[in-house]
Amino acid sequence: EGQLLTKTFKGMYFPGPGNYDLDKNG
């Protein structure tokens, strides 16, 4: 399954620029 290594590696999703409360503690 070497083709897996050619895929774009990704991380978290964000809808765009802005302020983010990652743990919802205010």
PDB file of all heavy atoms in Angstrom:
ATOM      1  N   GLU A   1       0.824  -1.208   0.000  1.00  0.00           N
ATOM      2  CA  GLU A   1       0.000   0.000   0.000  1.00  0.00           C
ATOM      3  C   GLU A   1       0.860   1.260   0.000  1.00  0.00           C
ATOM      4  O   GLU A   1       0.558   2.245   0.663  1.00  0.00           O
ATOM      5  CB  GLU A   1      -0.935  -0.015   1.213  1.00  0.00           C
ATOM      6  CG  GLU A   1      -1.945  -1.138   1.221  1.00  0.00           C
ATOM      7  CD  GLU A   1      -3.032  -1.016   0.144  1.00  0.00           C
ATOM      8  OE1 GLU A   1      -3.044  -0.007  -0.599  1.00  0.00           O
ATOM      9  OE2 GLU A   1      -3.865  -1.942   0.033  1.00  0.00           O
ATOM     10  N   GLY A   2       1.932   1.242  -0.803  1.00  0.00           N
ATOM     11  CA  GLY A   2       2.800   2.410  -0.888  1.00  0.00           C
ATOM     12  C   GLY A   2       2.092   3.664  -1.347  1.00  0.00           C
ATOM     13  O   GLY A   2       2.531   4.782  -1.061  1.00  0.00           O
ATOM     14  N   GLN A   3       0.980   3.498  -2.045  1.00  0.00           N
ATOM     15  CA  GLN A   3       0.220   4.661  -2.514  1.00  0.00           C
ATOM     16  C   GLN A   3      -0.247   5.545  -1.350  1.00  0.00           C
ATOM     17  O   GLN A   3      -0.487   6.748  -1.539  1.00  0.00           O
ATOM     18  CB  GLN A   3      -0.977   4.203  -3.357  1.00  0.00           C
ATOM     19  CG  GLN A   3      -1.846   3.104  -2.760  1.00  0.00           C
ATOM     20  CD  GLN A   3      -2.876   3.574  -1.762  1.00  0.00           C
ATOM     21  OE1 GLN A   3      -3.284   4.734  -1.810  1.00  0.00           O
ATOM     22  NE2 GLN A   3      -3.318   2.695  -0.889  1.00  0.00           N
ATOM     23  N   LEU A   4      -0.370   4.973  -0.141  1.00  0.00           N
ATOM     24  CA  LEU A   4      -0.770   5.785   1.009  1.00  0.00           C
ATOM     25  C   LEU A   4       0.225   6.901   1.301  1.00  0.00           C
ATOM     26  O   LEU A   4      -0.146   7.954   1.830  1.00  0.00           O
ATOM     27  CB  LEU A   4      -0.914   4.895   2.247  1.00  0.00           C
ATOM     28  CG  LEU A   4      -2.134   3.973   2.302  1.00  0.00           C
ATOM     29  CD1 LEU A   4      -1.989   2.960   3.429  1.00  0.00           C
ATOM     30  CD2 LEU A   4      -3.405   4.785   2.466  1.00  0.00           C
ATOM     31  N   LEU A   5       1.479   6.676   0.952  1.00  0.00           N
ATOM     32  CA  LEU A   5       2.518   7.653   1.250  1.00  0.00           C
ATOM     33  C   LEU A   5       2.483   8.846   0.309  1.00  0.00           C
ATOM     34  O   LEU A   5       3.132   9.860   0.564  1.00  0.00           O
ATOM     35  CB  LEU A   5       3.893   6.984   1.197  1.00  0.00           C
ATOM     36  CG  LEU A   5       4.059   5.764   2.099  1.00  0.00           C
ATOM     37  CD1 LEU A   5       5.453   5.167   1.941  1.00  0.00           C
ATOM     38  CD2 LEU A   5       3.801   6.124   3.559  1.00  0.00           C
ATOM     39  N   THR A   6       1.731   8.744  -0.776  1.00  0.00           N
ATOM     40  CA  THR A   6       1.654   9.846  -1.734  1.00  0.00           C
ATOM     41  C   THR A   6       0.511  10.809  -1.418  1.00  0.00           C
ATOM     42  O   THR A   6       0.398  11.857  -2.056  1.00  0.00           O
ATOM     43  CB  THR A   6       1.462   9.306  -3.167  1.00  0.00           C
ATOM     44  OG1 THR A   6       0.150   8.710  -3.284  1.00  0.00           O
ATOM     45  CG2 THR A   6       2.520   8.275  -3.506  1.00  0.00           C
ATOM     46  N   LYS A   7      -0.327  10.460  -0.454  1.00  0.00           N
ATOM     47  CA  LYS A   7      -1.474  11.306  -0.138  1.00  0.00           C
ATOM     48  C   LYS A   7      -1.029  12.542   0.642  1.00  0.00           C
ATOM     49  O   LYS A   7      -0.029  12.517   1.361  1.00  0.00           O
ATOM     50  CB  LYS A   7      -2.504  10.532   0.698  1.00  0.00           C
ATOM     51  CG  LYS A   7      -2.915   9.185   0.108  1.00  0.00           C
ATOM     52  CD  LYS A   7      -3.540   9.323  -1.265  1.00  0.00           C
ATOM     53  CE  LYS A   7      -4.002   7.966  -1.789  1.00  0.00           C
ATOM     54  NZ  LYS A   7      -4.513   8.041  -3.183  1.00  0.00           N
ATOM     55  N   THR A   8      -1.788  13.627   0.504  1.00  0.00           N
ATOM     56  CA  THR A   8      -1.503  14.838   1.268  1.00  0.00           C
ATOM     57  C   THR A   8      -1.767  14.589   2.747  1.00  0.00           C
ATOM     58  O   THR A   8      -2.820  14.093   3.125  1.00  0.00           O
ATOM     59  CB  THR A   8      -2.388  16.004   0.790  1.00  0.00           C
ATOM     60  OG1 THR A   8      -2.138  16.238  -0.594  1.00  0.00           O
ATOM     61  CG2 THR A   8      -2.099  17.274   1.578  1.00  0.00           C
ATOM     62  N   PHE A   9      -0.787  14.918   3.587  1.00  0.00           N
ATOM     63  CA  PHE A   9      -0.954  14.764   5.023  1.00  0.00           C
ATOM     64  C   PHE A   9      -1.690  15.980   5.571  1.00  0.00           C
ATOM     65  O   PHE A   9      -1.390  17.120   5.216  1.00  0.00           O
ATOM     66  CB  PHE A   9       0.401  14.605   5.709  1.00  0.00           C
ATOM     67  CG  PHE A   9       1.114  13.331   5.347  1.00  0.00           C
ATOM     68  CD1 PHE A   9       2.499  13.246   5.461  1.00  0.00           C
ATOM     69  CD2 PHE A   9       0.419  12.220   4.916  1.00  0.00           C
ATOM     70  CE1 PHE A   9       3.168  12.089   5.141  1.00  0.00           C
ATOM     71  CE2 PHE A   9       1.082  11.040   4.593  1.00  0.00           C
ATOM     72  CZ  PHE A   9       2.463  10.977   4.706  1.00  0.00           C
ATOM     73  N   LYS A  10      -2.633  15.716   6.486  1.00  0.00           N
ATOM     74  CA  LYS A  10      -3.493  16.785   6.973  1.00  0.00           C
ATOM     75  C   LYS A  10      -3.593  16.765   8.488  1.00  0.00           C
ATOM     76  O   LYS A  10      -3.250  15.789   9.148  1.00  0.00           O
ATOM     77  CB  LYS A  10      -4.897  16.655   6.363  1.00  0.00           C
ATOM     78  CG  LYS A  10      -4.921  16.744   4.847  1.00  0.00           C
ATOM     79  CD  LYS A  10      -6.337  16.551   4.300  1.00  0.00           C
ATOM     80  CE  LYS A  10      -6.349  16.561   2.777  1.00  0.00           C
ATOM     81  NZ  LYS A  10      -7.717  16.356   2.239  1.00  0.00           N
ATOM     82  N   GLY A  11      -4.123  17.877   9.025  1.00  0.00           N
ATOM     83  CA  GLY A  11      -4.342  17.997  10.459  1.00  0.00           C
ATOM     84  C   GLY A  11      -5.751  18.475  10.755  1.00  0.00           C
ATOM     85  O   GLY A  11      -6.698  18.185  10.008  1.00  0.00           O
ATOM     86  N   MET A  12      -5.905  19.225  11.849  1.00  0.00           N
ATOM     87  CA  MET A  12      -7.212  19.697  12.302  1.00  0.00           C
ATOM     88  C   MET A  12      -7.951  20.500  11.234  1.00  0.00           C
ATOM     89  O   MET A  12      -7.333  21.098  10.348  1.00  0.00           O
ATOM     90  CB  MET A  12      -7.055  20.586  13.537  1.00  0.00           C
ATOM     91  CG  MET A  12      -6.710  19.885  14.809  1.00  0.00           C
ATOM     92  SD  MET A  12      -6.643  21.124  16.153  1.00  0.00           S
ATOM     93  CE  MET A  12      -6.091  20.095  17.507  1.00  0.00           C
ATOM     94  N   TYR A  13      -9.263  20.534  11.365  1.00  0.00           N
ATOM     95  CA  TYR A  13     -10.116  21.341  10.487  1.00  0.00           C
ATOM     96  C   TYR A  13     -10.423  22.680  11.152  1.00  0.00           C
ATOM     97  O   TYR A  13     -10.775  22.725  12.332  1.00  0.00           O
ATOM     98  CB  TYR A  13     -11.424  20.618  10.184  1.00  0.00           C
ATOM     99  CG  TYR A  13     -12.394  21.472   9.388  1.00  0.00           C
ATOM    100  CD1 TYR A  13     -12.332  21.519   7.996  1.00  0.00           C
ATOM    101  CD2 TYR A  13     -13.347  22.254  10.042  1.00  0.00           C
ATOM    102  CE1 TYR A  13     -13.198  22.332   7.272  1.00  0.00           C
ATOM    103  CE2 TYR A  13     -14.214  23.065   9.327  1.00  0.00           C
ATOM    104  CZ  TYR A  13     -14.136  23.098   7.934  1.00  0.00           C
ATOM    105  OH  TYR A  13     -14.986  23.908   7.213  1.00  0.00           O
ATOM    106  N   PHE A  14     -10.288  23.754  10.390  1.00  0.00           N
ATOM    107  CA  PHE A  14     -10.703  25.089  10.808  1.00  0.00           C
ATOM    108  C   PHE A  14     -11.498  25.726   9.672  1.00  0.00           C
ATOM    109  O   PHE A  14     -11.083  25.635   8.504  1.00  0.00           O
ATOM    110  CB  PHE A  14      -9.497  25.970  11.145  1.00  0.00           C
ATOM    111  CG  PHE A  14      -8.710  25.504  12.335  1.00  0.00           C
ATOM    112  CD1 PHE A  14      -7.547  24.760  12.170  1.00  0.00           C
ATOM    113  CD2 PHE A  14      -9.127  25.801  13.613  1.00  0.00           C
ATOM    114  CE1 PHE A  14      -6.830  24.318  13.262  1.00  0.00           C
ATOM    115  CE2 PHE A  14      -8.410  25.366  14.724  1.00  0.00           C
ATOM    116  CZ  PHE A  14      -7.257  24.620  14.545  1.00  0.00           C
ATOM    117  N   PRO A  15     -12.614  26.378   9.969  1.00  0.00           N
ATOM    118  CA  PRO A  15     -13.420  26.982   8.898  1.00  0.00           C
ATOM    119  C   PRO A  15     -12.809  28.239   8.294  1.00  0.00           C
ATOM    120  O   PRO A  15     -13.335  28.766   7.307  1.00  0.00           O
ATOM    121  CB  PRO A  15     -14.748  27.300   9.599  1.00  0.00           C
ATOM    122  CG  PRO A  15     -14.416  27.414  11.048  1.00  0.00           C
ATOM    123  CD  PRO A  15     -13.288  26.444  11.277  1.00  0.00           C
ATOM    124  N   GLY A  16     -11.712  28.724   8.841  1.00  0.00           N
ATOM    125  CA  GLY A  16     -11.047  29.903   8.298  1.00  0.00           C
ATOM    126  C   GLY A  16     -10.368  30.675   9.401  1.00  0.00           C
ATOM    127  O   GLY A  16     -10.250  30.202  10.548  1.00  0.00           O
ATOM    128  N   PRO A  17      -9.897  31.907   9.113  1.00  0.00           N
ATOM    129  CA  PRO A  17      -9.306  32.739  10.162  1.00  0.00           C
ATOM    130  C   PRO A  17     -10.321  33.003  11.275  1.00  0.00           C
ATOM    131  O   PRO A  17     -11.525  33.036  11.039  1.00  0.00           O
ATOM    132  CB  PRO A  17      -8.941  34.032   9.431  1.00  0.00           C
ATOM    133  CG  PRO A  17      -8.901  33.665   7.981  1.00  0.00           C
ATOM    134  CD  PRO A  17      -9.915  32.574   7.807  1.00  0.00           C
ATOM    135  N   GLY A  18      -9.821  33.163  12.493  1.00  0.00           N
ATOM    136  CA  GLY A  18     -10.729  33.438  13.604  1.00  0.00           C
ATOM    137  C   GLY A  18     -10.131  33.055  14.935  1.00  0.00           C
ATOM    138  O   GLY A  18      -8.983  32.606  15.027  1.00  0.00           O
ATOM    139  N   ASN A  19     -10.930  33.223  15.981  1.00  0.00           N
ATOM    140  CA  ASN A  19     -10.541  32.880  17.344  1.00  0.00           C
ATOM    141  C   ASN A  19     -11.132  31.521  17.712  1.00  0.00           C
ATOM    142  O   ASN A  19     -12.327  31.282  17.487  1.00  0.00           O
ATOM    143  CB  ASN A  19     -11.043  33.930  18.324  1.00  0.00           C
ATOM    144  CG  ASN A  19     -10.454  35.307  18.058  1.00  0.00           C
ATOM    145  OD1 ASN A  19      -9.485  35.437  17.321  1.00  0.00           O
ATOM    146  ND2 ASN A  19     -11.037  36.337  18.654  1.00  0.00           N
ATOM    147  N   TYR A  20     -10.327  30.649  18.308  1.00  0.00           N
ATOM    148  CA  TYR A  20     -10.768  29.272  18.575  1.00  0.00           C
ATOM    149  C   TYR A  20     -10.529  28.900  20.037  1.00  0.00           C
ATOM    150  O   TYR A  20      -9.408  28.980  20.548  1.00  0.00           O
ATOM    151  CB  TYR A  20     -10.047  28.294  17.655  1.00  0.00           C
ATOM    152  CG  TYR A  20     -10.433  28.496  16.208  1.00  0.00           C
ATOM    153  CD1 TYR A  20      -9.654  29.283  15.359  1.00  0.00           C
ATOM    154  CD2 TYR A  20     -11.601  27.933  15.707  1.00  0.00           C
ATOM    155  CE1 TYR A  20     -10.035  29.485  14.034  1.00  0.00           C
ATOM    156  CE2 TYR A  20     -11.985  28.133  14.383  1.00  0.00           C
ATOM    157  CZ  TYR A  20     -11.198  28.908  13.559  1.00  0.00           C
ATOM    158  OH  TYR A  20     -11.588  29.113  12.248  1.00  0.00           O
ATOM    159  N   ASP A  21     -11.622  28.497  20.688  1.00  0.00           N
ATOM    160  CA  ASP A  21     -11.586  27.947  22.035  1.00  0.00           C
ATOM    161  C   ASP A  21     -11.576  26.425  21.878  1.00  0.00           C
ATOM    162  O   ASP A  21     -12.624  25.791  21.757  1.00  0.00           O
ATOM    163  CB  ASP A  21     -12.816  28.420  22.820  1.00  0.00           C
ATOM    164  CG  ASP A  21     -12.889  27.842  24.226  1.00  0.00           C
ATOM    165  OD1 ASP A  21     -11.952  27.109  24.621  1.00  0.00           O
ATOM    166  OD2 ASP A  21     -13.898  28.098  24.922  1.00  0.00           O
ATOM    167  N   LEU A  22     -10.412  25.845  21.872  1.00  0.00           N
ATOM    168  CA  LEU A  22     -10.267  24.439  21.504  1.00  0.00           C
ATOM    169  C   LEU A  22     -10.901  23.491  22.513  1.00  0.00           C
ATOM    170  O   LEU A  22     -11.369  22.414  22.137  1.00  0.00           O
ATOM    171  CB  LEU A  22      -8.787  24.102  21.325  1.00  0.00           C
ATOM    172  CG  LEU A  22      -8.064  24.834  20.187  1.00  0.00           C
ATOM    173  CD1 LEU A  22      -6.576  24.511  20.205  1.00  0.00           C
ATOM    174  CD2 LEU A  22      -8.669  24.494  18.837  1.00  0.00           C
ATOM    175  N   ASP A  23     -10.896  23.854  23.780  1.00  0.00           N
ATOM    176  CA  ASP A  23     -11.440  22.949  24.796  1.00  0.00           C
ATOM    177  C   ASP A  23     -12.760  23.439  25.384  1.00  0.00           C
ATOM    178  O   ASP A  23     -13.262  22.866  26.363  1.00  0.00           O
ATOM    179  CB  ASP A  23     -10.428  22.696  25.911  1.00  0.00           C
ATOM    180  CG  ASP A  23      -9.909  23.982  26.551  1.00  0.00           C
ATOM    181  OD1 ASP A  23     -10.399  25.072  26.177  1.00  0.00           O
ATOM    182  OD2 ASP A  23      -9.021  23.888  27.417  1.00  0.00           O
ATOM    183  N   LYS A  24     -13.331  24.517  24.801  1.00  0.00           N
ATOM    184  CA  LYS A  24     -14.653  25.026  25.199  1.00  0.00           C
ATOM    185  C   LYS A  24     -14.726  25.371  26.691  1.00  0.00           C
ATOM    186  O   LYS A  24     -15.715  25.095  27.363  1.00  0.00           O
ATOM    187  CB  LYS A  24     -15.745  24.007  24.848  1.00  0.00           C
ATOM    188  CG  LYS A  24     -15.835  23.640  23.381  1.00  0.00           C
ATOM    189  CD  LYS A  24     -16.143  24.829  22.505  1.00  0.00           C
ATOM    190  CE  LYS A  24     -16.274  24.430  21.040  1.00  0.00           C
ATOM    191  NZ  LYS A  24     -16.454  25.587  20.146  1.00  0.00           N
ATOM    192  N   ASN A  25     -13.657  26.007  27.173  1.00  0.00           N
ATOM    193  CA  ASN A  25     -13.666  26.435  28.572  1.00  0.00           C
ATOM    194  C   ASN A  25     -13.879  27.934  28.711  1.00  0.00           C
ATOM    195  O   ASN A  25     -13.712  28.504  29.791  1.00  0.00           O
ATOM    196  CB  ASN A  25     -12.371  26.019  29.271  1.00  0.00           C
ATOM    197  CG  ASN A  25     -11.154  26.767  28.736  1.00  0.00           C
ATOM    198  OD1 ASN A  25     -11.229  27.469  27.718  1.00  0.00           O
ATOM    199  ND2 ASN A  25     -10.027  26.613  29.414  1.00  0.00           N
ATOM    200  N   GLY A  26     -14.234  28.592  27.597  1.00  0.00           N
ATOM    201  CA  GLY A  26     -14.519  30.019  27.626  1.00  0.00           C
ATOM    202  C   GLY A  26     -13.324  30.909  27.361  1.00  0.00           C
ATOM    203  O   GLY A  26     -13.458  32.132  27.339  1.00  0.00           O
TER     204      GLY A  26
END
